Amino acid sequence: MTQTRQAKKGRRQAAASALALILATVIGGAVHAEDAFNLDALIEAAKKEPPITVYAVTGKIVDTAEAFTAKYGVQASGKKVNEATQVELMIREHQAGSIVGDVSVGTDVASAMGQLLLEGIATSWTPPDLASDIPEKLRNPLVVVSDPHVWTYNTDKYDKCPITNIWQLTEPQWKGKLAMLDLFDKPLYADWFNQIEMHHNADVAKAYEDLYGKRLETREKSATAAWVKAFAENEPLLSDSTTVAEAAGAPGQAEPFFVITSTAKYRDNEAKGLKLGLCSGVQPFSGFLYPGFGLIAGQTKSPNAAKLFVRYLMTEEGITPQTADGKISGNTKIGLPADEPSGVAKHIDELMAFDAATAADDLDKRESWQDFWRMNYKK
């Protein structure tokens, strides 16, 4: 680790306890202040503020912002911006003292925890009147939705999922027949590796033993590293979400790819005739849940409008466009629609949940995992 990275890590660690105290005091206090919260007062205050812009990773935010404006008479505009760009924009706007994005939905989790929140570039707020419906671990920071990324196969080619264990994906028959999002463009996959190692390494080791009937022996630092190394050596195609989904689901393929992708791409089963099928029962996990924070710019000139929009996203009306894609609301009262195409609702307990409490560590180790992948990826 370079001196610069060590210094950054030191600053993050030094600030972590301060962040925890601030969030516990500010957010925690709000959560338990139901009696003091007045939605009508928030709406009236929001109407007196300048219009807001909402950054989100989904283009559906445009229609959501329009619906919000129609409902409350508070002007909001939605803009699709990917995770990494949201972080860059929020930092740049904060430094310039000129805020464009008042609300950010679905930003890079590791950067949010390791930089945006620590440095006051963004804040988190949980609607007090909805807090009892939001699990405590999803309030701090507030998780608006979680995006399921699942092992996916072609239902034309296979009548059921062709694997039952992630270690099978390291075997020769899958070489050159795997695909996933490019972890250099979408670092959440590098963060996923770190989350596995920190919280589920024993499960990865057990999965190996269950499959092969013997304990894993490796010179790598962990069972997770051994799996990532072997997985990378099988040369998965690294690409964007559309290419990955089509590599798996395009009909008529003799040898379709086996992939991991967001359930949001399953809408293309109808829209494009893809044949995507969700793998269930895979050991030690059938995928993972990536949290999407709802953050408010620290210098926004419209704090009440921003809070009102965040609250709107925690209601069924506000989040339905995203739950239609299989995204899981942070509000437990809101389920997935019966016609959601992936069927992920039946398999939530099979997905590894990201632990936001250690996301800053993901950021610190992101480059190391990317370098590790680069060393073992021979394509």
Protein backbone atom coordinates (compact mmCIF):
# COMPACT_ATOMS: atom_id res chain seq x y z
CA MET A 1 0.00 0.00 0.00
CA THR A 2 1.41 3.39 -0.94
CA GLN A 3 1.89 6.18 1.59
CA THR A 4 -0.97 8.10 -0.02
CA ARG A 5 -3.35 5.18 0.39
CA GLN A 6 -2.14 4.61 3.96
CA ALA A 7 -2.82 8.25 4.77
CA LYS A 8 -6.29 8.04 3.25
CA LYS A 9 -7.03 4.91 5.23
CA GLY A 10 -5.82 6.56 8.42
CA ARG A 11 -8.08 9.56 7.85
CA ARG A 12 -11.04 7.29 7.18
CA GLN A 13 -10.42 5.24 10.32
CA ALA A 14 -9.99 8.38 12.41
CA ALA A 15 -13.22 9.79 11.08
CA ALA A 16 -15.21 6.56 11.33
CA SER A 17 -16.01 6.85 15.02
CA ALA A 18 -17.01 10.48 14.55
CA LEU A 19 -19.33 9.49 11.72
CA ALA A 20 -20.91 6.78 13.82
CA LEU A 21 -21.54 9.27 16.62
CA ILE A 22 -23.00 11.86 14.26
CA LEU A 23 -25.28 9.35 12.56
CA ALA A 24 -26.39 7.85 15.85
CA THR A 25 -27.21 11.29 17.21
CA VAL A 26 -28.76 12.91 14.14
CA ILE A 27 -30.37 9.96 12.41
CA GLY A 28 -31.05 7.96 15.51
CA GLY A 29 -32.66 10.96 17.15
CA ALA A 30 -34.89 11.52 14.16
CA VAL A 31 -35.91 7.90 14.07
CA HIS A 32 -37.24 8.09 17.60
CA ALA A 33 -38.92 11.46 17.16
CA GLU A 34 -42.18 10.24 15.59
CA ASP A 35 -44.26 12.57 17.72
CA ALA A 36 -42.30 15.61 16.52
CA PHE A 37 -42.48 14.72 12.84
CA ASN A 38 -45.15 16.47 10.80
CA LEU A 39 -45.45 15.48 7.15
CA ASP A 40 -47.70 18.43 6.27
CA ALA A 41 -45.18 20.84 7.76
CA LEU A 42 -42.39 19.20 5.75
CA ILE A 43 -44.41 19.56 2.54
CA GLU A 44 -45.11 23.23 3.17
CA ALA A 45 -41.45 23.91 3.96
CA ALA A 46 -40.39 22.04 0.82
CA LYS A 47 -42.68 24.19 -1.35
CA LYS A 48 -40.79 27.29 -0.29
CA GLU A 49 -37.42 25.93 -1.44
CA PRO A 50 -35.71 25.90 -4.85
CA PRO A 51 -36.33 22.93 -7.20
CA ILE A 52 -34.22 19.83 -6.60
CA THR A 53 -32.35 17.45 -8.87
CA VAL A 54 -32.08 13.76 -8.05
CA TYR A 55 -29.20 11.60 -9.29
CA ALA A 56 -29.94 7.88 -9.59
CA VAL A 57 -28.54 4.81 -11.33
CA THR A 58 -31.87 4.08 -13.01
CA GLY A 59 -33.48 6.07 -15.79
CA LYS A 60 -36.80 5.49 -14.06
CA ILE A 61 -35.89 8.32 -11.71
CA VAL A 62 -37.06 10.78 -14.39
CA ASP A 63 -40.66 9.55 -14.21
CA THR A 64 -40.44 9.18 -10.43
CA ALA A 65 -39.43 12.83 -10.08
CA GLU A 66 -42.30 13.90 -12.31
CA ALA A 67 -44.78 11.89 -10.22
CA PHE A 68 -43.33 13.41 -7.04
CA THR A 69 -43.79 16.93 -8.43
CA ALA A 70 -47.38 16.19 -9.42
CA LYS A 71 -48.17 14.76 -5.99
CA TYR A 72 -46.63 17.42 -3.76
CA GLY A 73 -46.27 20.52 -5.94
CA VAL A 74 -42.54 20.48 -5.19
CA GLN A 75 -40.42 20.72 -8.34
CA ALA A 76 -37.99 17.82 -8.82
CA SER A 77 -36.01 16.58 -11.82
CA GLY A 78 -34.48 13.15 -12.16
CA LYS A 79 -31.19 12.41 -13.90
CA LYS A 80 -29.67 9.01 -14.58
CA VAL A 81 -26.04 8.96 -13.42
CA ASN A 82 -23.96 5.85 -12.74
CA GLU A 83 -22.52 5.05 -9.32
CA ALA A 84 -18.99 6.33 -9.81
CA THR A 85 -20.07 9.49 -11.61
CA GLN A 86 -22.49 10.34 -8.80
CA VAL A 87 -19.59 10.30 -6.36
CA GLU A 88 -17.43 12.48 -8.61
CA LEU A 89 -20.23 14.98 -9.15
CA MET A 90 -21.10 15.23 -5.47
CA ILE A 91 -17.48 15.80 -4.50
CA ARG A 92 -16.94 18.39 -7.23
CA GLU A 93 -20.17 20.24 -6.48
CA HIS A 94 -19.40 20.26 -2.75
CA GLN A 95 -15.92 21.66 -3.33
CA ALA A 96 -17.31 24.35 -5.63
CA GLY A 97 -20.13 25.19 -3.25
CA SER A 98 -22.55 24.83 -6.16
CA ILE A 99 -24.94 21.95 -5.65
CA VAL A 100 -26.81 20.47 -8.60
CA GLY A 101 -27.59 17.01 -7.27
CA ASP A 102 -29.57 17.52 -4.06
CA VAL A 103 -30.37 13.82 -3.66
CA SER A 104 -28.32 10.79 -4.69
CA VAL A 105 -29.89 7.34 -5.00
CA GLY A 106 -27.78 4.25 -5.52
CA THR A 107 -24.31 5.71 -5.35
CA ASP A 108 -21.09 3.75 -4.90
CA VAL A 109 -21.60 2.32 -1.40
CA ALA A 110 -17.94 2.04 -0.46
CA SER A 111 -17.21 5.61 -1.55
CA ALA A 112 -20.33 6.84 0.24
CA MET A 113 -19.22 5.28 3.51
CA GLY A 114 -15.51 5.93 3.08
CA GLN A 115 -15.70 9.50 1.81
CA LEU A 116 -19.04 11.21 1.15
CA LEU A 117 -20.54 10.73 4.60
CA LEU A 118 -17.25 11.03 6.47
CA GLU A 119 -16.42 14.38 4.90
CA GLY A 120 -19.92 15.86 5.16
CA ILE A 121 -20.35 15.89 1.40
CA ALA A 122 -23.56 13.94 1.91
CA THR A 123 -25.88 13.22 4.82
CA SER A 124 -28.45 10.53 5.52
CA TRP A 125 -31.97 10.96 6.88
CA THR A 126 -34.53 8.33 7.80
CA PRO A 127 -38.23 9.37 7.73
CA PRO A 128 -39.31 9.18 11.37
CA ASP A 129 -42.88 8.17 10.59
CA LEU A 130 -41.69 5.18 8.52
CA ALA A 131 -38.76 4.15 10.71
CA SER A 132 -40.59 1.28 12.40
CA ASP A 133 -41.00 -0.36 8.97
CA ILE A 134 -37.31 -0.02 8.11
CA PRO A 135 -34.90 -2.51 9.74
CA GLU A 136 -32.44 -0.74 12.01
CA LYS A 137 -29.45 -1.92 9.98
CA LEU A 138 -30.92 -0.20 6.90
CA ARG A 139 -31.44 3.20 8.55
CA ASN A 140 -27.87 4.27 9.07
CA PRO A 141 -27.28 5.21 6.28
CA LEU A 142 -30.74 4.82 4.81
CA VAL A 143 -31.02 2.03 2.26
CA VAL A 144 -33.75 2.97 -0.21
CA VAL A 145 -33.49 -0.24 -2.24
CA SER A 146 -31.21 -3.24 -2.53
CA ASP A 147 -30.33 -4.49 -5.99
CA PRO A 148 -30.16 -8.30 -6.29
CA HIS A 149 -27.35 -9.63 -8.48
CA VAL A 150 -27.95 -13.33 -9.16
CA TRP A 151 -26.35 -16.29 -10.89
CA THR A 152 -28.20 -16.56 -14.19
CA TYR A 153 -28.52 -19.22 -16.90
CA ASN A 154 -30.24 -19.63 -20.27
CA THR A 155 -33.58 -21.42 -19.87
CA ASP A 156 -33.56 -22.49 -23.54
CA LYS A 157 -30.33 -24.40 -23.03
CA TYR A 158 -30.92 -25.79 -19.55
CA ASP A 159 -34.09 -27.05 -17.90
CA LYS A 160 -32.60 -26.07 -14.52
CA CYS A 161 -29.61 -24.20 -13.16
CA PRO A 162 -26.46 -26.02 -14.35
CA ILE A 163 -24.55 -25.45 -11.11
CA THR A 164 -25.21 -25.97 -7.41
CA ASN A 165 -21.94 -24.60 -6.02
CA ILE A 166 -19.80 -21.55 -6.93
CA TRP A 167 -16.67 -23.70 -7.01
CA GLN A 168 -18.03 -25.47 -10.08
CA LEU A 169 -17.45 -22.20 -11.93
CA THR A 170 -13.71 -22.70 -11.47
CA GLU A 171 -13.76 -26.00 -13.37
CA PRO A 172 -12.45 -26.36 -16.96
CA GLN A 173 -15.85 -26.78 -18.63
CA TRP A 174 -16.74 -23.18 -17.76
CA LYS A 175 -13.54 -21.62 -19.11
CA GLY A 176 -14.48 -18.79 -21.45
CA LYS A 177 -18.21 -19.35 -20.83
CA LEU A 178 -18.73 -17.00 -17.90
CA ALA A 179 -19.58 -13.31 -17.79
CA MET A 180 -20.02 -10.52 -15.27
CA LEU A 181 -19.91 -6.74 -15.05
CA ASP A 182 -16.45 -5.27 -15.55
CA LEU A 183 -15.10 -4.83 -12.03
CA PHE A 184 -12.86 -1.99 -13.22
CA ASP A 185 -15.87 -0.07 -14.50
CA LYS A 186 -18.27 -1.36 -11.81
CA PRO A 187 -16.08 -1.70 -8.72
CA LEU A 188 -18.99 -3.04 -6.68
CA TYR A 189 -17.83 -6.48 -7.85
CA ALA A 190 -14.38 -5.93 -6.36
CA ASP A 191 -16.17 -4.75 -3.21
CA TRP A 192 -18.25 -7.94 -3.33
CA PHE A 193 -15.06 -10.01 -3.14
CA ASN A 194 -13.99 -8.08 -0.07
CA GLN A 195 -17.40 -8.49 1.56
CA ILE A 196 -17.23 -12.25 0.98
CA GLU A 197 -13.76 -12.48 2.52
CA MET A 198 -14.67 -10.36 5.54
CA HIS A 199 -18.02 -11.93 6.34
CA HIS A 200 -18.43 -15.26 4.52
CA ASN A 201 -14.98 -16.74 4.05
CA ALA A 202 -15.82 -19.80 6.17
CA ASP A 203 -18.89 -20.39 3.99
CA VAL A 204 -16.73 -20.37 0.84
CA ALA A 205 -14.35 -22.88 2.42
CA LYS A 206 -17.25 -25.10 3.46
CA ALA A 207 -18.76 -24.95 -0.04
CA TYR A 208 -15.47 -26.31 -1.40
CA GLU A 209 -15.43 -29.13 1.13
CA ASP A 210 -19.08 -29.98 0.46
CA LEU A 211 -18.47 -30.18 -3.29
CA TYR A 212 -15.17 -32.07 -3.35
CA GLY A 213 -15.29 -33.99 -0.07
CA LYS A 214 -12.00 -32.59 1.18
CA ARG A 215 -10.73 -29.47 2.88
CA LEU A 216 -9.47 -26.62 0.75
CA GLU A 217 -5.70 -26.37 0.66
CA THR A 218 -4.44 -23.10 -0.80
CA ARG A 219 -1.44 -20.82 -0.75
CA GLU A 220 -3.74 -17.80 -1.04
CA LYS A 221 -4.58 -15.66 1.98
CA SER A 222 -8.15 -16.96 2.22
CA ALA A 223 -10.69 -19.33 0.71
CA THR A 224 -12.28 -16.32 -0.95
CA ALA A 225 -9.01 -15.32 -2.60
CA ALA A 226 -8.54 -18.89 -3.80
CA TRP A 227 -12.01 -18.85 -5.38
CA VAL A 228 -11.53 -15.41 -6.97
CA LYS A 229 -8.18 -16.52 -8.40
CA ALA A 230 -9.64 -19.69 -9.90
CA PHE A 231 -12.73 -17.86 -11.15
CA ALA A 232 -10.56 -15.19 -12.84
CA GLU A 233 -8.40 -17.89 -14.44
CA ASN A 234 -11.53 -19.18 -16.18
CA GLU A 235 -11.57 -15.87 -18.10
CA PRO A 236 -15.08 -14.47 -17.56
CA LEU A 237 -16.21 -11.97 -20.15
CA LEU A 238 -16.15 -8.53 -18.51
CA SER A 239 -18.65 -6.11 -19.98
CA ASP A 240 -21.64 -3.84 -19.41
CA SER A 241 -24.97 -5.07 -18.03
CA THR A 242 -26.72 -5.31 -21.41
CA THR A 243 -23.93 -7.35 -23.01
CA VAL A 244 -23.74 -9.67 -20.00
CA ALA A 245 -27.49 -10.27 -19.99
CA GLU A 246 -27.59 -10.96 -23.72
CA ALA A 247 -24.58 -13.28 -23.49
CA ALA A 248 -26.58 -15.39 -21.08
CA GLY A 249 -30.11 -14.99 -22.37
CA ALA A 250 -30.10 -14.55 -26.13
CA PRO A 251 -32.25 -17.36 -27.57
CA GLY A 252 -30.91 -20.00 -29.94
CA GLN A 253 -27.38 -20.20 -28.54
CA ALA A 254 -25.62 -23.55 -28.61
CA GLU A 255 -23.28 -22.52 -25.80
CA PRO A 256 -24.70 -19.56 -23.87
CA PHE A 257 -22.72 -17.86 -21.14
CA PHE A 258 -23.40 -18.40 -17.45
CA VAL A 259 -23.42 -15.02 -15.70
CA ILE A 260 -24.11 -12.99 -12.61
CA THR A 261 -26.25 -9.94 -13.26
CA SER A 262 -28.89 -7.67 -11.76
CA THR A 263 -32.49 -8.89 -11.69
CA ALA A 264 -33.34 -5.59 -13.41
CA LYS A 265 -32.15 -7.20 -16.67
CA TYR A 266 -34.84 -9.89 -16.42
CA ARG A 267 -37.33 -7.37 -17.79
CA ASP A 268 -35.64 -8.06 -21.13
CA ASN A 269 -37.17 -11.56 -21.12
CA GLU A 270 -40.32 -9.83 -22.29
CA ALA A 271 -38.88 -6.73 -23.92
CA LYS A 272 -36.20 -8.52 -25.99
CA GLY A 273 -37.18 -12.19 -25.83
CA LEU A 274 -34.24 -13.15 -23.61
CA LYS A 275 -34.25 -16.46 -21.74
CA LEU A 276 -32.80 -15.48 -18.37
CA GLY A 277 -33.34 -17.86 -15.48
CA LEU A 278 -32.42 -17.34 -11.83
CA CYS A 279 -30.25 -19.97 -10.19
CA SER A 280 -31.49 -20.97 -6.76
CA GLY A 281 -29.96 -23.27 -4.19
CA VAL A 282 -26.37 -22.38 -5.10
CA GLN A 283 -23.84 -22.82 -2.29
CA PRO A 284 -22.88 -20.71 -0.44
CA PHE A 285 -25.06 -18.04 -2.09
CA SER A 286 -27.20 -17.58 -5.17
CA GLY A 287 -26.05 -13.97 -5.54
CA PHE A 288 -25.87 -10.82 -3.46
CA LEU A 289 -27.89 -7.77 -2.47
CA TYR A 290 -26.22 -4.46 -3.24
CA PRO A 291 -27.62 -1.60 -1.14
CA GLY A 292 -28.73 1.65 -2.73
CA PHE A 293 -28.40 4.55 -0.29
CA GLY A 294 -30.61 7.61 -0.38
CA LEU A 295 -28.21 10.48 0.35
CA ILE A 296 -28.79 14.23 0.64
CA ALA A 297 -26.14 16.72 -0.43
CA GLY A 298 -24.62 18.35 2.65
CA GLN A 299 -24.87 21.84 1.11
CA THR A 300 -28.27 21.55 -0.55
CA LYS A 301 -30.35 24.72 -0.51
CA SER A 302 -33.50 22.59 -0.38
CA PRO A 303 -33.10 20.27 2.61
CA ASN A 304 -36.82 19.87 3.19
CA ALA A 305 -37.58 19.09 -0.44
CA ALA A 306 -34.72 16.58 -0.42
CA LYS A 307 -36.09 14.90 2.71
CA LEU A 308 -39.56 14.80 1.23
CA PHE A 309 -38.22 13.10 -1.90
CA VAL A 310 -36.31 10.54 0.15
CA ARG A 311 -39.48 9.82 2.11
CA TYR A 312 -41.41 9.44 -1.15
CA LEU A 313 -38.95 6.75 -2.23
CA MET A 314 -39.70 4.85 0.97
CA THR A 315 -43.38 4.58 0.04
CA GLU A 316 -44.95 2.04 -2.30
CA GLU A 317 -45.98 4.77 -4.73
CA GLY A 318 -42.47 6.16 -4.95
CA ILE A 319 -40.53 2.92 -5.25
CA THR A 320 -42.84 0.76 -7.39
CA PRO A 321 -40.98 1.57 -10.65
CA GLN A 322 -37.88 -0.02 -9.10
CA THR A 323 -39.52 -2.96 -7.30
CA ALA A 324 -40.96 -3.88 -10.70
CA ASP A 325 -37.33 -4.71 -11.62
CA GLY A 326 -36.84 -6.95 -8.60
CA LYS A 327 -35.19 -4.33 -6.41
CA ILE A 328 -35.97 -4.76 -2.73
CA SER A 329 -37.36 -1.76 -0.84
CA GLY A 330 -35.78 -0.85 2.47
CA ASN A 331 -39.34 -0.55 3.76
CA THR A 332 -40.40 -4.06 4.80
CA LYS A 333 -44.05 -3.21 4.25
CA ILE A 334 -43.39 -3.02 0.50
CA GLY A 335 -43.07 -6.32 -1.34
CA LEU A 336 -42.26 -7.20 -4.91
CA PRO A 337 -45.09 -7.32 -7.46
CA ALA A 338 -46.42 -10.77 -8.30
CA ASP A 339 -45.40 -10.38 -11.94
CA GLU A 340 -41.77 -9.37 -11.23
CA PRO A 341 -39.96 -11.40 -13.92
CA SER A 342 -36.99 -12.90 -12.06
CA GLY A 343 -38.91 -14.51 -9.17
CA VAL A 344 -36.22 -13.34 -6.77
CA ALA A 345 -38.75 -12.74 -3.98
CA LYS A 346 -38.70 -16.49 -3.25
CA HIS A 347 -34.93 -16.57 -2.88
CA ILE A 348 -33.97 -13.47 -0.89
CA ASP A 349 -32.61 -15.56 1.97
CA GLU A 350 -30.15 -17.20 -0.47
CA LEU A 351 -28.49 -13.89 -1.34
CA MET A 352 -25.47 -12.47 0.48
CA ALA A 353 -26.34 -9.06 1.95
CA PHE A 354 -23.69 -6.33 1.83
CA ASP A 355 -22.72 -5.08 5.28
CA ALA A 356 -22.55 -1.29 4.99
CA ALA A 357 -20.74 -1.10 8.32
CA THR A 358 -17.57 -2.40 6.66
CA ALA A 359 -17.99 -0.64 3.31
CA ALA A 360 -15.15 1.78 4.06
CA ASP A 361 -12.86 -1.25 4.23
CA ASP A 362 -14.15 -2.27 0.80
CA LEU A 363 -12.96 1.08 -0.52
CA ASP A 364 -9.53 0.68 1.08
CA LYS A 365 -9.07 -2.78 -0.45
CA ARG A 366 -10.76 -2.15 -3.80
CA GLU A 367 -7.55 -1.56 -5.73
CA SER A 368 -5.95 -4.62 -4.13
CA TRP A 369 -8.80 -6.85 -5.33
CA GLN A 370 -8.67 -5.29 -8.79
CA ASP A 371 -4.92 -5.86 -8.93
CA PHE A 372 -5.39 -9.44 -7.72
CA TRP A 373 -7.92 -10.04 -10.47
CA ARG A 374 -5.64 -8.49 -13.09
CA MET A 375 -2.79 -10.77 -12.03
CA ASN A 376 -4.89 -13.92 -12.46
CA TYR A 377 -7.06 -12.93 -15.42
CA LYS A 378 -5.18 -14.10 -18.52
CA LYS A 379 -7.63 -13.15 -21.26
